[in-house]
Structures are given as C-alpha cells and as structure tokens.
C-alpha atoms as a PDB file:
ATOM      1  CA  UNK A   1      88.867  98.294 117.019  1.00  0.00           C
ATOM      2  CA  UNK A   2      91.056  96.900 114.250  1.00  0.00           C
ATOM      3  CA  UNK A   3      94.464  98.501 113.800  1.00  0.00           C
ATOM      4  CA  UNK A   4      95.867  99.534 110.432  1.00  0.00           C
ATOM      5  CA  UNK A   5      99.022 101.616 110.267  1.00  0.00           C
ATOM      6  CA  UNK A   6      99.509 101.980 106.498  1.00  0.00           C
ATOM      7  CA  UNK A   7      97.185 102.656 103.558  1.00  0.00           C
ATOM      8  CA  UNK A   8      97.479 103.697  99.914  1.00  0.00           C
ATOM      9  CA  UNK A   9      94.929 106.198  98.603  1.00  0.00           C
ATOM     10  CA  UNK A  10      94.191 108.088  95.392  1.00  0.00           C
ATOM     11  CA  UNK A  11      93.372 111.796  95.606  1.00  0.00           C
ATOM     12  CA  UNK A  12      92.300 114.328  93.008  1.00  0.00           C
ATOM     13  CA  UNK A  13      91.600 117.998  93.450  1.00  0.00           C
ATOM     14  CA  UNK A  14      88.747 119.594  91.511  1.00  0.00           C
ATOM     15  CA  UNK A  15      89.024 121.035  88.004  1.00  0.00           C
ATOM     16  CA  UNK A  16      88.470 124.747  87.606  1.00  0.00           C
ATOM     17  CA  UNK A  17      85.108 125.823  86.214  1.00  0.00           C
ATOM     18  CA  UNK A  18      84.912 127.114  82.641  1.00  0.00           C
ATOM     19  CA  UNK A  19      84.670 130.802  81.854  1.00  0.00           C
ATOM     20  CA  UNK A  20      81.460 132.081  80.300  1.00  0.00           C
ATOM     21  CA  UNK A  21      80.762 133.594  76.883  1.00  0.00           C
ATOM     22  CA  UNK A  22      78.009 136.128  77.468  1.00  0.00           C
ATOM     23  CA  UNK A  23      76.933 139.614  76.334  1.00  0.00           C
ATOM     24  CA  UNK A  24      74.952 142.341  78.027  1.00  0.00           C
ATOM     25  CA  UNK A  25      71.276 142.249  77.107  1.00  0.00           C
ATOM     26  CA  UNK A  26      69.648 145.445  78.308  1.00  0.00           C
ATOM     27  CA  UNK A  27      66.785 147.554  77.004  1.00  0.00           C
ATOM     28  CA  UNK A  28      67.890 150.510  74.889  1.00  0.00           C
ATOM     29  CA  UNK A  29      71.464 149.151  74.627  1.00  0.00           C
ATOM     30  CA  UNK A  30      71.741 147.729  71.117  1.00  0.00           C
ATOM     31  CA  UNK A  31      75.294 146.426  71.282  1.00  0.00           C
ATOM     32  CA  UNK A  32      76.031 145.192  74.810  1.00  0.00           C
ATOM     33  CA  UNK A  33      79.636 144.324  75.520  1.00  0.00           C
ATOM     34  CA  UNK A  34      80.948 141.003  76.851  1.00  0.00           C
ATOM     35  CA  UNK A  35      80.005 140.166  80.459  1.00  0.00           C
ATOM     36  CA  UNK A  36      81.006 136.520  80.755  1.00  0.00           C
ATOM     37  CA  UNK A  37      82.183 135.708  84.292  1.00  0.00           C
ATOM     38  CA  UNK A  38      85.162 133.562  85.297  1.00  0.00           C
ATOM     39  CA  UNK A  39      84.872 129.936  86.377  1.00  0.00           C
ATOM     40  CA  UNK A  40      85.280 129.056  90.038  1.00  0.00           C
ATOM     41  CA  UNK A  41      88.425 127.383  91.349  1.00  0.00           C
ATOM     42  CA  UNK A  42      88.304 123.636  91.892  1.00  0.00           C
ATOM     43  CA  UNK A  43      88.138 122.186  95.380  1.00  0.00           C
ATOM     44  CA  UNK A  44      91.322 121.358  97.301  1.00  0.00           C
ATOM     45  CA  UNK A  45      92.327 118.114  99.030  1.00  0.00           C
ATOM     46  CA  UNK A  46      93.500 118.566 102.617  1.00  0.00           C
ATOM     47  CA  UNK A  47      94.932 116.300 105.284  1.00  0.00           C
ATOM     48  CA  UNK A  48      94.028 117.046 108.919  1.00  0.00           C
ATOM     49  CA  UNK A  49      95.131 115.421 112.175  1.00  0.00           C
ATOM     50  CA  UNK A  50      92.126 115.000 114.458  1.00  0.00           C
ATOM     51  CA  UNK A  51      91.533 113.805 117.992  1.00  0.00           C
ATOM     52  CA  UNK A  52      89.920 110.439 118.724  1.00  0.00           C
ATOM     53  CA  UNK A  53      91.610 108.406 115.977  1.00  0.00           C
ATOM     54  CA  UNK A  54      94.421 105.897 116.478  1.00  0.00           C
ATOM     55  CA  UNK A  55      94.253 103.863 113.268  1.00  0.00           C
ATOM     56  CA  UNK A  56      93.998 104.262 109.488  1.00  0.00           C
ATOM     57  CA  UNK A  57      91.426 101.457 109.202  1.00  0.00           C
ATOM     58  CA  UNK A  58      88.853 103.713 107.458  1.00  0.00           C
ATOM     59  CA  UNK A  59      91.184 103.964 104.453  1.00  0.00           C
ATOM     60  CA  UNK A  60      90.981 100.221 103.891  1.00  0.00           C
ATOM     61  CA  UNK A  61      87.357 100.666 102.801  1.00  0.00           C
ATOM     62  CA  UNK A  62      87.636 103.949 100.893  1.00  0.00           C
ATOM     63  CA  UNK A  63      90.732 104.671  98.842  1.00  0.00           C
ATOM     64  CA  UNK A  64      89.515 107.308  96.355  1.00  0.00           C
ATOM     65  CA  UNK A  65      88.938 110.954  97.265  1.00  0.00           C
ATOM     66  CA  UNK A  66      87.936 113.615  94.739  1.00  0.00           C
ATOM     67  CA  UNK A  67      87.186 117.279  95.373  1.00  0.00           C
ATOM     68  CA  UNK A  68      84.433 118.998  93.392  1.00  0.00           C
ATOM     69  CA  UNK A  69      84.807 120.917  90.142  1.00  0.00           C
ATOM     70  CA  UNK A  70      84.448 124.703  90.308  1.00  0.00           C
ATOM     71  CA  UNK A  71      81.133 126.140  89.104  1.00  0.00           C
ATOM     72  CA  UNK A  72      81.192 127.583  85.582  1.00  0.00           C
ATOM     73  CA  UNK A  73      81.121 131.350  85.124  1.00  0.00           C
ATOM     74  CA  UNK A  74      77.873 133.082  84.173  1.00  0.00           C
ATOM     75  CA  UNK A  75      76.663 136.231  82.480  1.00  0.00           C
ATOM     76  CA  UNK A  76      76.557 139.634  84.173  1.00  0.00           C
ATOM     77  CA  UNK A  77      80.203 139.098  85.172  1.00  0.00           C
ATOM     78  CA  UNK A  78      79.220 136.458  87.738  1.00  0.00           C
ATOM     79  CA  UNK A  79      82.149 134.307  88.860  1.00  0.00           C
ATOM     80  CA  UNK A  80      81.386 130.660  89.553  1.00  0.00           C
ATOM     81  CA  UNK A  81      81.589 129.328  93.104  1.00  0.00           C
ATOM     82  CA  UNK A  82      84.629 127.407  94.302  1.00  0.00           C
ATOM     83  CA  UNK A  83      84.306 123.620  94.269  1.00  0.00           C
ATOM     84  CA  UNK A  84      83.884 121.877  97.626  1.00  0.00           C
ATOM     85  CA  UNK A  85      87.079 120.719  99.342  1.00  0.00           C
ATOM     86  CA  UNK A  86      87.785 117.198 100.591  1.00  0.00           C
ATOM     87  CA  UNK A  87      89.540 116.644 103.928  1.00  0.00           C
ATOM     88  CA  UNK A  88      91.185 113.356 104.860  1.00  0.00           C
ATOM     89  CA  UNK A  89      91.027 113.013 108.645  1.00  0.00           C
ATOM     90  CA  UNK A  90      93.862 111.033 110.210  1.00  0.00           C
ATOM     91  CA  UNK A  91      95.380 110.427 113.648  1.00  0.00           C
ATOM     92  CA  UNK A  92      98.184 112.649 114.895  1.00  0.00           C
ATOM     93  CA  UNK A  93     101.452 110.948 113.984  1.00  0.00           C
ATOM     94  CA  UNK A  94     100.459 110.281 110.362  1.00  0.00           C
ATOM     95  CA  UNK A  95     103.067 110.713 107.669  1.00  0.00           C
ATOM     96  CA  UNK A  96     102.337 111.047 103.952  1.00  0.00           C
ATOM     97  CA  UNK A  97     104.646 109.586 101.319  1.00  0.00           C
ATOM     98  CA  UNK A  98     104.686 109.745  97.530  1.00  0.00           C
ATOM     99  CA  UNK A  99     103.712 106.676  95.523  1.00  0.00           C
ATOM    100  CA  UNK A 100     107.210 105.195  95.967  1.00  0.00           C
ATOM    101  CA  UNK A 101     106.453 104.975  99.726  1.00  0.00           C
ATOM    102  CA  UNK A 102     109.836 106.543 100.459  1.00  0.00           C
ATOM    103  CA  UNK A 103     109.653 110.260  99.619  1.00  0.00           C
ATOM    104  CA  UNK A 104     108.116 112.119 102.558  1.00  0.00           C
ATOM    105  CA  UNK A 105     105.492 114.762 101.706  1.00  0.00           C
ATOM    106  CA  UNK A 106     104.423 115.810 105.200  1.00  0.00           C
ATOM    107  CA  UNK A 107     104.331 114.709 108.827  1.00  0.00           C
ATOM    108  CA  UNK A 108     101.347 115.630 111.018  1.00  0.00           C
ATOM    109  CA  UNK A 109     102.443 115.371 114.642  1.00  0.00           C
ATOM    110  CA  UNK A 110      99.779 117.316 116.567  1.00  0.00           C
ATOM    111  CA  UNK A 111      95.979 117.452 116.567  1.00  0.00           C
ATOM    112  CA  UNK A 112      94.678 120.330 114.448  1.00  0.00           C
ATOM    113  CA  UNK A 113      97.616 120.379 112.046  1.00  0.00           C
ATOM    114  CA  UNK A 114      96.578 120.612 108.362  1.00  0.00           C
ATOM    115  CA  UNK A 115      98.408 120.164 105.064  1.00  0.00           C
ATOM    116  CA  UNK A 116      97.321 120.968 101.517  1.00  0.00           C
ATOM    117  CA  UNK A 117      97.870 117.800  99.487  1.00  0.00           C
ATOM    118  CA  UNK A 118      96.415 118.914  96.148  1.00  0.00           C
ATOM    119  CA  UNK A 119      95.299 122.390  95.082  1.00  0.00           C
ATOM    120  CA  UNK A 120      92.237 122.807  92.890  1.00  0.00           C
ATOM    121  CA  UNK A 121      92.627 124.029  89.317  1.00  0.00           C
ATOM    122  CA  UNK A 122      92.076 127.717  88.575  1.00  0.00           C
ATOM    123  CA  UNK A 123      88.839 128.741  86.894  1.00  0.00           C
ATOM    124  CA  UNK A 124      88.883 129.814  83.253  1.00  0.00           C
ATOM    125  CA  UNK A 125      88.548 133.435  82.166  1.00  0.00           C
ATOM    126  CA  UNK A 126      85.195 134.627  80.824  1.00  0.00           C
ATOM    127  CA  UNK A 127      84.985 136.491  77.534  1.00  0.00           C
ATOM    128  CA  UNK A 128      85.095 139.879  79.292  1.00  0.00           C
ATOM    129  CA  UNK A 129      88.886 139.386  79.516  1.00  0.00           C
ATOM    130  CA  UNK A 130      89.301 139.089  75.739  1.00  0.00           C
ATOM    131  CA  UNK A 131      87.752 142.371  74.655  1.00  0.00           C
ATOM    132  CA  UNK A 132      90.188 144.499  72.628  1.00  0.00           C
ATOM    133  CA  UNK A 133      90.015 147.644  70.530  1.00  0.00           C
ATOM    134  CA  UNK A 134      89.648 145.510  67.424  1.00  0.00           C
ATOM    135  CA  UNK A 135      87.391 142.846  68.901  1.00  0.00           C
ATOM    136  CA  UNK A 136      84.573 144.344  70.920  1.00  0.00           C
ATOM    137  CA  UNK A 137      82.546 141.130  71.009  1.00  0.00           C
ATOM    138  CA  UNK A 138      84.899 138.215  71.735  1.00  0.00           C
ATOM    139  CA  UNK A 139      83.291 134.822  71.525  1.00  0.00           C
ATOM    140  CA  UNK A 140      85.935 132.919  73.411  1.00  0.00           C
ATOM    141  CA  UNK A 141      86.496 131.926  77.028  1.00  0.00           C
ATOM    142  CA  UNK A 142      88.978 129.682  78.767  1.00  0.00           C
ATOM    143  CA  UNK A 143      88.218 126.268  80.184  1.00  0.00           C
ATOM    144  CA  UNK A 144      89.196 125.687  83.769  1.00  0.00           C
ATOM    145  CA  UNK A 145      92.577 124.196  84.561  1.00  0.00           C
ATOM    146  CA  UNK A 146      92.607 120.533  85.590  1.00  0.00           C
ATOM    147  CA  UNK A 147      93.103 119.531  89.207  1.00  0.00           C
ATOM    148  CA  UNK A 148      96.029 117.541  90.540  1.00  0.00           C
ATOM    149  CA  UNK A 149      95.923 113.794  91.031  1.00  0.00           C
ATOM    150  CA  UNK A 150      98.214 111.742  93.240  1.00  0.00           C
ATOM    151  CA  UNK A 151      98.618 108.276  94.629  1.00  0.00           C
ATOM    152  CA  UNK A 152      99.936 108.591  98.165  1.00  0.00           C
ATOM    153  CA  UNK A 153     100.749 106.419 101.150  1.00  0.00           C
ATOM    154  CA  UNK A 154      99.498 107.226 104.629  1.00  0.00           C
ATOM    155  CA  UNK A 155     101.677 105.788 107.363  1.00  0.00           C
ATOM    156  CA  UNK A 156     100.923 106.034 111.062  1.00  0.00           C
ATOM    157  CA  UNK A 157     103.797 106.320 113.519  1.00  0.00           C
ATOM    158  CA  UNK A 158     102.294 106.121 116.978  1.00  0.00           C
ATOM    159  CA  UNK A 159     103.180 108.960 119.295  1.00  0.00           C
ATOM    160  CA  UNK A 160     103.531 107.428 122.720  1.00  0.00           C
ATOM    161  CA  UNK A 161     105.355 107.974 125.958  1.00  0.00           C
ATOM    162  CA  UNK A 162     106.624 104.421 126.281  1.00  0.00           C
ATOM    163  CA  UNK A 163     107.486 101.731 123.764  1.00  0.00           C
ATOM    164  CA  UNK A 164     107.335  97.986 124.393  1.00  0.00           C
ATOM    165  CA  UNK A 165     110.343  96.211 122.872  1.00  0.00           C
ATOM    166  CA  UNK A 166     109.607  92.822 121.298  1.00  0.00           C
ATOM    167  CA  UNK A 167     112.031  90.179 120.151  1.00  0.00           C
ATOM    168  CA  UNK A 168     112.570  89.599 116.425  1.00  0.00           C
ATOM    169  CA  UNK A 169     110.972  92.899 115.402  1.00  0.00           C
ATOM    170  CA  UNK A 170     113.508  93.983 112.786  1.00  0.00           C
ATOM    171  CA  UNK A 171     113.164  90.595 111.061  1.00  0.00           C
ATOM    172  CA  UNK A 172     109.378  90.858 110.839  1.00  0.00           C
ATOM    173  CA  UNK A 173     108.163  89.203 114.028  1.00  0.00           C
ATOM    174  CA  UNK A 174     104.780  90.661 114.989  1.00  0.00           C
ATOM    175  CA  UNK A 175     104.390  93.759 112.814  1.00  0.00           C
ATOM    176  CA  UNK A 176     108.141  93.882 112.404  1.00  0.00           C
ATOM    177  CA  UNK A 177     110.158  96.957 111.600  1.00  0.00           C
ATOM    178  CA  UNK A 178     106.978  99.015 111.233  1.00  0.00           C
ATOM    179  CA  UNK A 179     106.544  98.545 114.988  1.00  0.00           C
ATOM    180  CA  UNK A 180     110.079  99.761 115.571  1.00  0.00           C
ATOM    181  CA  UNK A 181     109.172 102.773 113.437  1.00  0.00           C
ATOM    182  CA  UNK A 182     106.496 103.598 116.015  1.00  0.00           C
ATOM    183  CA  UNK A 183     109.005 103.133 118.842  1.00  0.00           C
ATOM    184  CA  UNK A 184     111.213 105.857 117.317  1.00  0.00           C
ATOM    185  CA  UNK A 185     108.896 108.469 118.791  1.00  0.00           C
ATOM    186  CA  UNK A 186     108.793 107.173 122.334  1.00  0.00           C
ATOM    187  CA  UNK A 187     110.587 108.894 125.189  1.00  0.00           C
ATOM    188  CA  UNK A 188     111.452 105.732 127.099  1.00  0.00           C
ATOM    189  CA  UNK A 189     111.643 102.002 126.404  1.00  0.00           C
ATOM    190  CA  UNK A 190     110.099  99.501 128.803  1.00  0.00           C
ATOM    191  CA  UNK A 191     112.095  96.340 128.172  1.00  0.00           C
ATOM    192  CA  UNK A 192     110.247  93.350 129.591  1.00  0.00           C
ATOM    193  CA  UNK A 193     111.987  90.001 129.847  1.00  0.00           C
ATOM    194  CA  UNK A 194     109.739  87.096 130.749  1.00  0.00           C
ATOM    195  CA  UNK A 195     110.618  84.985 133.763  1.00  0.00           C
ATOM    196  CA  UNK A 196     109.676  82.025 131.576  1.00  0.00           C
ATOM    197  CA  UNK A 197     112.853  82.537 129.572  1.00  0.00           C
ATOM    198  CA  UNK A 198     115.419  79.873 130.348  1.00  0.00           C
ATOM    199  CA  UNK A 199     118.177  82.482 130.110  1.00  0.00           C
ATOM    200  CA  UNK A 200     116.835  86.033 130.736  1.00  0.00           C
ATOM    201  CA  UNK A 201     120.250  87.585 130.113  1.00  0.00           C
ATOM    202  CA  UNK A 202     120.462  86.052 126.643  1.00  0.00           C
ATOM    203  CA  UNK A 203     116.896  87.128 125.850  1.00  0.00           C
ATOM    204  CA  UNK A 204     117.755  90.681 126.890  1.00  0.00           C
ATOM    205  CA  UNK A 205     120.807  90.776 124.620  1.00  0.00           C
ATOM    206  CA  UNK A 206     118.765  89.411 121.705  1.00  0.00           C
ATOM    207  CA  UNK A 207     116.313  92.284 121.904  1.00  0.00           C
ATOM    208  CA  UNK A 208     119.096  94.851 122.319  1.00  0.00           C
ATOM    209  CA  UNK A 209     120.599  93.441 119.127  1.00  0.00           C
ATOM    210  CA  UNK A 210     117.244  94.054 117.388  1.00  0.00           C
ATOM    211  CA  UNK A 211     117.405  97.703 118.412  1.00  0.00           C
ATOM    212  CA  UNK A 212     120.987  98.053 117.240  1.00  0.00           C
ATOM    213  CA  UNK A 213     120.170  96.395 113.915  1.00  0.00           C
ATOM    214  CA  UNK A 214     117.294  98.816 113.338  1.00  0.00           C
ATOM    215  CA  UNK A 215     119.309 101.883 114.363  1.00  0.00           C
ATOM    216  CA  UNK A 216     117.714 105.344 114.268  1.00  0.00           C
ATOM    217  CA  UNK A 217     118.776 106.120 117.822  1.00  0.00           C
ATOM    218  CA  UNK A 218     116.700 103.457 119.584  1.00  0.00           C
ATOM    219  CA  UNK A 219     119.653 102.256 121.674  1.00  0.00           C
ATOM    220  CA  UNK A 220     120.209 105.818 122.927  1.00  0.00           C
ATOM    221  CA  UNK A 221     116.773 106.046 124.559  1.00  0.00           C
ATOM    222  CA  UNK A 222     116.200 105.735 128.286  1.00  0.00           C
ATOM    223  CA  UNK A 223     115.501 102.083 129.057  1.00  0.00           C
ATOM    224  CA  UNK A 224     113.712 100.544 132.028  1.00  0.00           C
ATOM    225  CA  UNK A 225     114.442  96.837 132.381  1.00  0.00           C
ATOM    226  CA  UNK A 226     112.002  94.550 134.183  1.00  0.00           C
ATOM    227  CA  UNK A 227     111.707  90.821 134.764  1.00  0.00           C
ATOM    228  CA  UNK A 228     108.024  90.026 134.230  1.00  0.00           C
ATOM    229  CA  UNK A 229     105.858  87.085 135.388  1.00  0.00           C
ATOM    230  CA  UNK A 230     107.895  86.758 138.560  1.00  0.00           C
ATOM    231  CA  UNK A 231     104.866  85.171 140.274  1.00  0.00           C
ATOM    232  CA  UNK A 232     105.722  81.965 138.401  1.00  0.00           C
ATOM    233  CA  UNK A 233     109.118  81.594 140.141  1.00  0.00           C
ATOM    234  CA  UNK A 234     110.076  80.199 143.516  1.00  0.00           C
ATOM    235  CA  UNK A 235     112.628  82.102 145.594  1.00  0.00           C
ATOM    236  CA  UNK A 236     115.665  80.195 144.290  1.00  0.00           C
ATOM    237  CA  UNK A 237     114.695  80.483 140.601  1.00  0.00           C
ATOM    238  CA  UNK A 238     113.879  84.157 141.066  1.00  0.00           C
ATOM    239  CA  UNK A 239     117.317  84.845 142.513  1.00  0.00           C
ATOM    240  CA  UNK A 240     119.091  83.089 139.623  1.00  0.00           C
ATOM    241  CA  UNK A 241     117.087  84.757 136.870  1.00  0.00           C
ATOM    242  CA  UNK A 242     117.405  88.217 138.395  1.00  0.00           C
ATOM    243  CA  UNK A 243     121.189  87.692 138.532  1.00  0.00           C
ATOM    244  CA  UNK A 244     121.275  86.587 134.871  1.00  0.00           C
ATOM    245  CA  UNK A 245     119.362  89.648 133.718  1.00  0.00           C
ATOM    246  CA  UNK A 246     121.398  91.971 135.925  1.00  0.00           C
ATOM    247  CA  UNK A 247     124.674  90.755 134.386  1.00  0.00           C
ATOM    248  CA  UNK A 248     123.364  91.331 130.859  1.00  0.00           C
ATOM    249  CA  UNK A 249     121.734  94.716 131.485  1.00  0.00           C
ATOM    250  CA  UNK A 250     124.410  96.086 133.770  1.00  0.00           C
ATOM    251  CA  UNK A 251     121.889  97.032 136.439  1.00  0.00           C
ATOM    252  CA  UNK A 252     119.322  95.376 138.678  1.00  0.00           C
ATOM    253  CA  UNK A 253     115.999  94.818 136.872  1.00  0.00           C
ATOM    254  CA  UNK A 254     112.649  95.782 138.311  1.00  0.00           C
ATOM    255  CA  UNK A 255     110.380  92.859 139.217  1.00  0.00           C
ATOM    256  CA  UNK A 256     106.911  92.722 137.775  1.00  0.00           C
ATOM    257  CA  UNK A 257     103.786  90.566 137.941  1.00  0.00           C
ATOM    258  CA  UNK A 258     100.482  91.464 136.339  1.00  0.00           C
ATOM    259  CA  UNK A 259      98.813  88.613 138.232  1.00  0.00           C
ATOM    260  CA  UNK A 260      99.747  89.651 141.773  1.00  0.00           C
ATOM    261  CA  UNK A 261     100.341  93.331 141.028  1.00  0.00           C
ATOM    262  CA  UNK A 262     103.911  93.155 142.317  1.00  0.00           C
ATOM    263  CA  UNK A 263     106.048  95.994 140.967  1.00  0.00           C
ATOM    264  CA  UNK A 264     103.308  97.469 138.737  1.00  0.00           C
ATOM    265  CA  UNK A 265     103.078 100.758 140.603  1.00  0.00           C
ATOM    266  CA  UNK A 266     106.854 101.058 140.832  1.00  0.00           C
ATOM    267  CA  UNK A 267     107.249 100.531 137.079  1.00  0.00           C
ATOM    268  CA  UNK A 268     104.560 103.103 136.313  1.00  0.00           C
ATOM    269  CA  UNK A 269     106.272 105.630 138.584  1.00  0.00           C
ATOM    270  CA  UNK A 270     109.592 104.946 136.869  1.00  0.00           C
ATOM    271  CA  UNK A 271     108.020 105.534 133.443  1.00  0.00           C
ATOM    272  CA  UNK A 272     106.342 108.772 134.489  1.00  0.00           C
ATOM    273  CA  UNK A 273     109.543 110.117 135.995  1.00  0.00           C
ATOM    274  CA  UNK A 274     111.395 110.071 132.679  1.00  0.00           C
END
C-alpha cells in the first residue's frame, strides 16, 4: 500500500432547501390560507477516524466533497427532507488545518471520533410564516441559506509506540521533518546505529542533534540505543564500535542483528517494558 501523509481537499456543505409558496385547496373552503412548508436543511460534512486505515492515499484521487442540498418545502405544511451528509473517513491520528496549513481545526486521535467540518445551510421559511392580519395570502417564501465551503489540509501524524530515528530528518532526508512530526507521538525512541558506520559514536551524536534541532520534546523521550548489523563485525571490530557508541550515548548499547536474530527479542522486551 502506498503511503501518503498529507492531502489538500475542498469541502462544501449542502444549501438549505427553499421554502414553499402554497395555499390550502379544499372542497367547501373558498379562501384557503397559506400552507407552504419550510425547506430542509442542507447536508453536513463530517470527519471520522476509522479503523483499518493508515494512510491518506484515497485523497490523492478525490479532492472534492459536497453534501446534498436540502429538499424544498411543499404544500400542506410539509417540510423538505434534510440533505444527505458526507463523511470523510481518515485514520486515527489525522489533523485538519485551514488552507494556510498552519491553523489547526481539529485533531482526531482515536477510532470513532467525529468532527463537524461544515454545517449545512438552514432551509428557507414557507409562506405560512408570513401571514399577518393585513396579508392573509402572502406570496413570498425564503430561499435556503447557502452551505459552507472550505479548503482544508489533512495531515496524518502516526500514533505509534516506538519511533525509528533517522539521520538528516530535520533537513529533509527521507520524508524529513514530517517524519519527526510522527515521532512526536511515540512513547519511546529506538535509536539504531549501524555497525557499518566508521564512527558509531559520531553517527549517534549526529542524530541526537537532529532531534535537538527539531525540538518539541523529542530529546526528553525514553531512548533505547542499539548497534545494529553486528553480524558483519569480527570480535575486535565489535568491541571497538561498541565502546565508541557507549562513550557517545553514556550507556552500553544493545546489540542487534536481523540476519542472525541476535538481540531482537531483548530489544522487543525493552520496548514493551517502557
């Protein structure tokens, strides 16, 4: 599945239905009074966090969402039906920003959470509302009020238990500072330093500098440090690189190899214990 963590969409709630101009037409009643019903309210636009989604990729292919107009009022004081709503379904962790992509509108953090983005316009009054002592047969009704229209940004901040720190992120490496935005919500950082680095201690400090440059409390999170790809080292090289990373991190790193499985279970236990 392709991953997309930001999308711009246009939304518009439905217009209210028009009120009706109508008069009673009954046998033996020569002058029936006004009985024009009100128009129905326009449909709303909602945002809902749902289970089973982890990307905003669907909003690359559809960017316009419009709710339905309310049904017009009818005679016999019949109010028009409300227009159908539109619901934008997104993953939990989705934030909505105004068109400037800076002003936060809402933040959906849990599955099932809903937010009303745009309310439908009210329906217009039918002519029954305009009857007075001097005008027993009003021939006027109100149109429905227009709906709201907005251009908004959807931005996904992954909710995870562990974040993987990558070098150069705040300068745009990989998906850059947007990735660090996801990391803000993690409980613990798993900081992997490759055994292929000539100087693991220097590599560690480089990534820590990325976190400090980004800010937002990332350096205050619990951090598990591990030297990865240790299967590529002989005993002497392993000893030297572990010592380099230990000096930089201030504690002994865990040792990890996806190829041989060394340290994998221990790292997982460490993550789950936080």
